[in-house]
Protein backbone atom coordinates (compact mmCIF):
# COMPACT_ATOMS: atom_id res chain seq x y z
CA MET A 1 122.16 79.05 122.59
CA THR A 2 118.58 79.38 121.32
CA SER A 3 116.26 76.43 121.81
CA ASP A 4 114.80 74.56 118.83
CA ILE A 5 111.50 75.64 117.30
CA SER A 6 108.95 72.89 118.02
CA VAL A 7 106.68 71.90 115.16
CA LEU A 8 103.40 69.97 114.78
CA ILE A 9 102.70 68.64 111.26
CA VAL A 10 99.05 68.40 110.15
CA ASP A 11 98.23 66.74 106.82
CA ASP A 12 95.93 63.91 105.76
CA HIS A 13 98.61 62.33 103.51
CA PRO A 14 101.12 60.12 105.40
CA VAL A 15 103.70 60.60 102.62
CA VAL A 16 103.54 64.39 103.00
CA ARG A 17 103.84 64.12 106.79
CA ASP A 18 106.84 61.77 106.46
CA GLY A 19 108.50 64.12 103.96
CA LEU A 20 108.02 67.18 106.16
CA ARG A 21 109.16 65.33 109.29
CA GLY A 22 112.32 64.17 107.49
CA MET A 23 113.04 67.70 106.27
CA PHE A 24 112.65 69.34 109.66
CA GLU A 25 114.42 66.61 111.63
CA SER A 26 117.45 66.85 109.33
CA ALA A 27 117.63 70.65 109.67
CA PRO A 28 119.25 72.28 112.71
CA GLY A 29 117.04 74.37 114.95
CA PHE A 30 113.79 72.39 114.66
CA THR A 31 112.10 69.64 116.69
CA VAL A 32 109.05 67.77 115.37
CA LEU A 33 106.75 67.11 118.34
CA GLY A 34 104.14 65.10 116.49
CA GLU A 35 101.70 64.74 113.61
CA ALA A 36 97.94 64.87 113.03
CA SER A 37 95.88 63.73 110.06
CA ASP A 38 92.91 66.13 110.35
CA GLY A 39 91.77 69.34 112.01
CA VAL A 40 90.09 67.71 115.01
CA GLU A 41 93.20 65.68 115.82
CA ALA A 42 95.32 68.81 115.23
CA VAL A 43 93.50 70.74 117.97
CA ALA A 44 93.86 67.84 120.41
CA ARG A 45 97.57 67.34 119.63
CA ALA A 46 98.27 71.07 119.78
CA THR A 47 96.62 71.26 123.20
CA ALA A 48 98.62 68.29 124.47
CA LEU A 49 102.01 69.12 122.90
CA ASP A 50 102.01 72.96 122.90
CA PRO A 51 104.18 73.42 119.78
CA ASP A 52 105.66 76.76 118.68
CA VAL A 53 104.41 76.37 115.10
CA ILE A 54 101.71 74.21 113.48
CA LEU A 55 102.09 73.38 109.78
CA MET A 56 98.43 73.10 108.77
CA ASP A 57 96.95 71.61 105.61
CA LEU A 58 93.50 73.01 104.77
CA ARG A 59 91.33 70.43 103.05
CA MET A 60 91.25 67.21 105.06
CA PRO A 61 88.52 64.61 105.48
CA GLY A 62 87.45 64.39 109.11
CA GLY A 63 88.04 68.06 109.91
CA GLY A 64 89.36 70.93 107.81
CA GLY A 65 92.18 73.30 108.64
CA VAL A 66 90.15 76.52 108.82
CA ASP A 67 87.86 75.12 111.55
CA ALA A 68 90.93 73.91 113.45
CA ILE A 69 92.59 77.35 113.18
CA ARG A 70 89.39 79.00 114.41
CA GLU A 71 89.23 76.58 117.34
CA LEU A 72 92.89 77.17 118.27
CA THR A 73 92.39 80.95 118.08
CA ARG A 74 89.30 80.69 120.28
CA ALA A 75 91.25 78.59 122.81
CA ARG A 76 94.07 81.20 122.76
CA ALA A 77 96.59 78.52 121.82
CA ARG A 78 100.20 79.74 121.96
CA ALA A 79 101.13 78.04 118.68
CA LYS A 80 101.40 80.04 115.48
CA VAL A 81 99.64 78.41 112.54
CA LEU A 82 101.40 78.33 109.18
CA VAL A 83 99.09 77.05 106.45
CA LEU A 84 100.88 74.75 104.00
CA THR A 85 98.57 73.77 101.17
CA THR A 86 98.25 73.25 97.42
CA TYR A 87 95.32 75.72 97.26
CA ASP A 88 95.72 79.45 96.76
CA THR A 89 92.15 80.42 95.82
CA ASP A 90 90.42 83.28 97.63
CA SER A 91 87.89 80.87 99.12
CA ASP A 92 90.75 79.07 100.91
CA THR A 93 93.15 81.91 101.66
CA LEU A 94 90.86 84.53 103.15
CA PRO A 95 88.97 82.29 105.61
CA ALA A 96 92.26 80.77 106.87
CA ILE A 97 93.77 84.19 107.53
CA GLU A 98 90.54 85.56 109.01
CA ALA A 99 90.45 82.52 111.31
CA GLY A 100 93.86 83.43 112.72
CA ALA A 101 96.59 81.83 110.58
CA THR A 102 99.95 83.61 110.92
CA GLY A 103 101.09 82.64 107.43
CA TYR A 104 100.14 80.90 104.22
CA LEU A 105 102.56 78.98 101.99
CA LEU A 106 102.04 76.68 99.04
CA LYS A 107 103.45 73.15 99.07
CA ASP A 108 105.71 73.89 96.11
CA ALA A 109 107.73 76.34 98.24
CA PRO A 110 111.48 75.53 98.32
CA ARG A 111 112.64 73.94 101.60
CA ASP A 112 114.74 76.99 102.59
CA GLU A 113 111.70 79.22 102.12
CA LEU A 114 109.70 76.86 104.31
CA PHE A 115 112.36 76.89 107.07
CA THR A 116 112.50 80.69 106.93
CA ALA A 117 108.69 80.87 107.08
CA VAL A 118 108.55 78.63 110.18
CA ARG A 119 111.20 80.74 111.92
CA ALA A 120 109.28 83.92 111.03
CA ALA A 121 105.96 82.42 112.20
CA ALA A 122 107.56 81.35 115.50
CA ALA A 123 108.67 84.96 115.96
CA GLY A 124 105.10 86.14 115.33
CA ARG A 125 105.70 87.58 111.85
CA THR A 126 103.22 87.11 109.01
CA VAL A 127 104.44 84.99 106.12
CA LEU A 128 102.64 84.85 102.78
CA SER A 129 103.75 83.21 99.56
CA PRO A 130 104.00 85.84 96.76
CA ALA A 131 100.97 84.38 94.93
CA VAL A 132 98.82 84.52 98.05
CA ALA A 133 100.03 88.00 99.02
CA SER A 134 99.08 89.44 95.62
CA ARG A 135 95.64 87.82 95.79
CA LEU A 136 95.02 89.28 99.24
CA VAL A 137 96.07 92.75 98.14
CA SER A 138 93.72 92.47 95.14
CA ALA A 139 90.87 91.26 97.33
CA VAL A 140 91.31 94.19 99.70
CA ARG A 141 91.62 96.77 96.93
CA ALA A 142 88.93 95.57 94.52
CA PRO A 143 85.55 97.30 94.98
CA GLY A 144 82.76 94.96 96.00
CA ASN A 145 85.33 92.27 96.81
CA GLU A 146 85.85 92.79 100.52
CA PRO A 147 86.00 89.44 102.34
CA LEU A 148 82.82 88.41 104.15
CA SER A 149 82.95 87.92 107.89
CA ALA A 150 82.32 84.45 109.33
CA ARG A 151 78.80 85.52 110.39
CA GLU A 152 78.02 86.99 106.95
CA ARG A 153 79.08 83.70 105.37
CA GLU A 154 76.77 81.81 107.77
CA VAL A 155 73.85 84.06 106.79
CA LEU A 156 74.69 83.67 103.09
CA ALA A 157 74.86 79.86 103.36
CA LEU A 158 71.37 79.84 104.90
CA VAL A 159 70.08 82.23 102.23
CA ALA A 160 71.43 79.81 99.59
CA LYS A 161 69.28 77.07 101.16
CA GLY A 162 66.20 79.28 100.75
CA THR A 163 65.90 80.10 104.45
CA SER A 164 63.79 83.15 105.33
CA ASN A 165 65.09 86.05 107.44
CA ARG A 166 62.91 84.92 110.34
CA GLU A 167 64.27 81.33 110.15
CA ILE A 168 67.85 82.62 109.85
CA ALA A 169 67.32 84.76 112.96
CA ARG A 170 65.98 81.75 114.86
CA GLU A 171 68.79 79.45 113.72
CA LEU A 172 71.61 81.91 114.53
CA PHE A 173 69.99 83.27 117.74
CA ILE A 174 69.98 86.85 116.45
CA SER A 175 67.19 89.34 115.69
CA GLU A 176 65.62 89.75 112.25
CA ALA A 177 66.96 93.31 112.21
CA THR A 178 70.49 91.95 112.66
CA VAL A 179 69.93 89.48 109.80
CA LYS A 180 68.90 92.41 107.57
CA THR A 181 72.02 94.34 108.61
CA HIS A 182 74.24 91.35 107.73
CA LEU A 183 72.46 91.05 104.36
CA THR A 184 72.96 94.77 103.64
CA HIS A 185 76.68 94.44 104.40
CA LEU A 186 77.21 91.30 102.36
CA TYR A 187 75.26 92.75 99.38
CA ALA A 188 77.62 95.75 99.45
CA LYS A 189 80.70 93.54 99.70
CA LEU A 190 79.56 91.33 96.83
CA GLY A 191 78.38 94.30 94.75
CA VAL A 192 74.81 92.94 94.38
CA LYS A 193 71.29 94.11 95.17
CA ASP A 194 69.30 91.01 96.13
CA ARG A 195 69.42 87.48 97.60
CA ALA A 196 69.52 85.62 94.28
CA ALA A 197 72.41 87.71 92.95
CA ALA A 198 74.27 87.32 96.25
CA VAL A 199 74.02 83.53 96.07
CA ALA A 200 75.00 83.42 92.38
CA THR A 201 78.01 85.71 92.95
CA ALA A 202 79.08 83.73 96.02
CA TYR A 203 79.11 80.47 94.04
CA GLU A 204 80.96 82.20 91.20
CA ARG A 205 83.69 83.42 93.57
CA GLY A 206 83.95 80.15 95.46
CA ILE A 207 82.63 81.62 98.72
CA LEU A 208 79.90 78.99 98.65
CA GLY A 209 80.89 75.61 97.26
């Protein structure tokens, strides 16, 4: 007999958490270990409870999901993270998957699809809702639309504040030459030629918000 898949539910809405807990507790093969209301609490609970799968909302006051996923990945947490959110925009999807999420589902997914996704995530398989999958494929295929790395986004955010290359280098503890390399790469990915166009395009695409 296989043991139950243990789940941690992370969402800032108590009603959503209650609904998910009820769904999983009434279905065979799952055990809900606990809940968290933001990303910071999620990392602490995941460390203490060691679940198989974490159902992670993305936008939460007090600590977002992407930062929590990044932290769990850095800590080499055993849990697989399945993002469950209402947002399917590129600015949400790509950072979550880059940070280490195993899957990405929207909250309007039917319950059977959600159960299947949790089982797949527990087994280490990637699960993407059809809408998210098609967006990712488009993002990868479209010229000048390659996702920025976490470091490139940090550089871009500082550029948007009007920070000079020298100040960026000082703030990120890297050389000016490295800053220029990051800028060259992110210009190519955004399909632009200068700082102003990079910032404008990033706001347009929701990379900066």
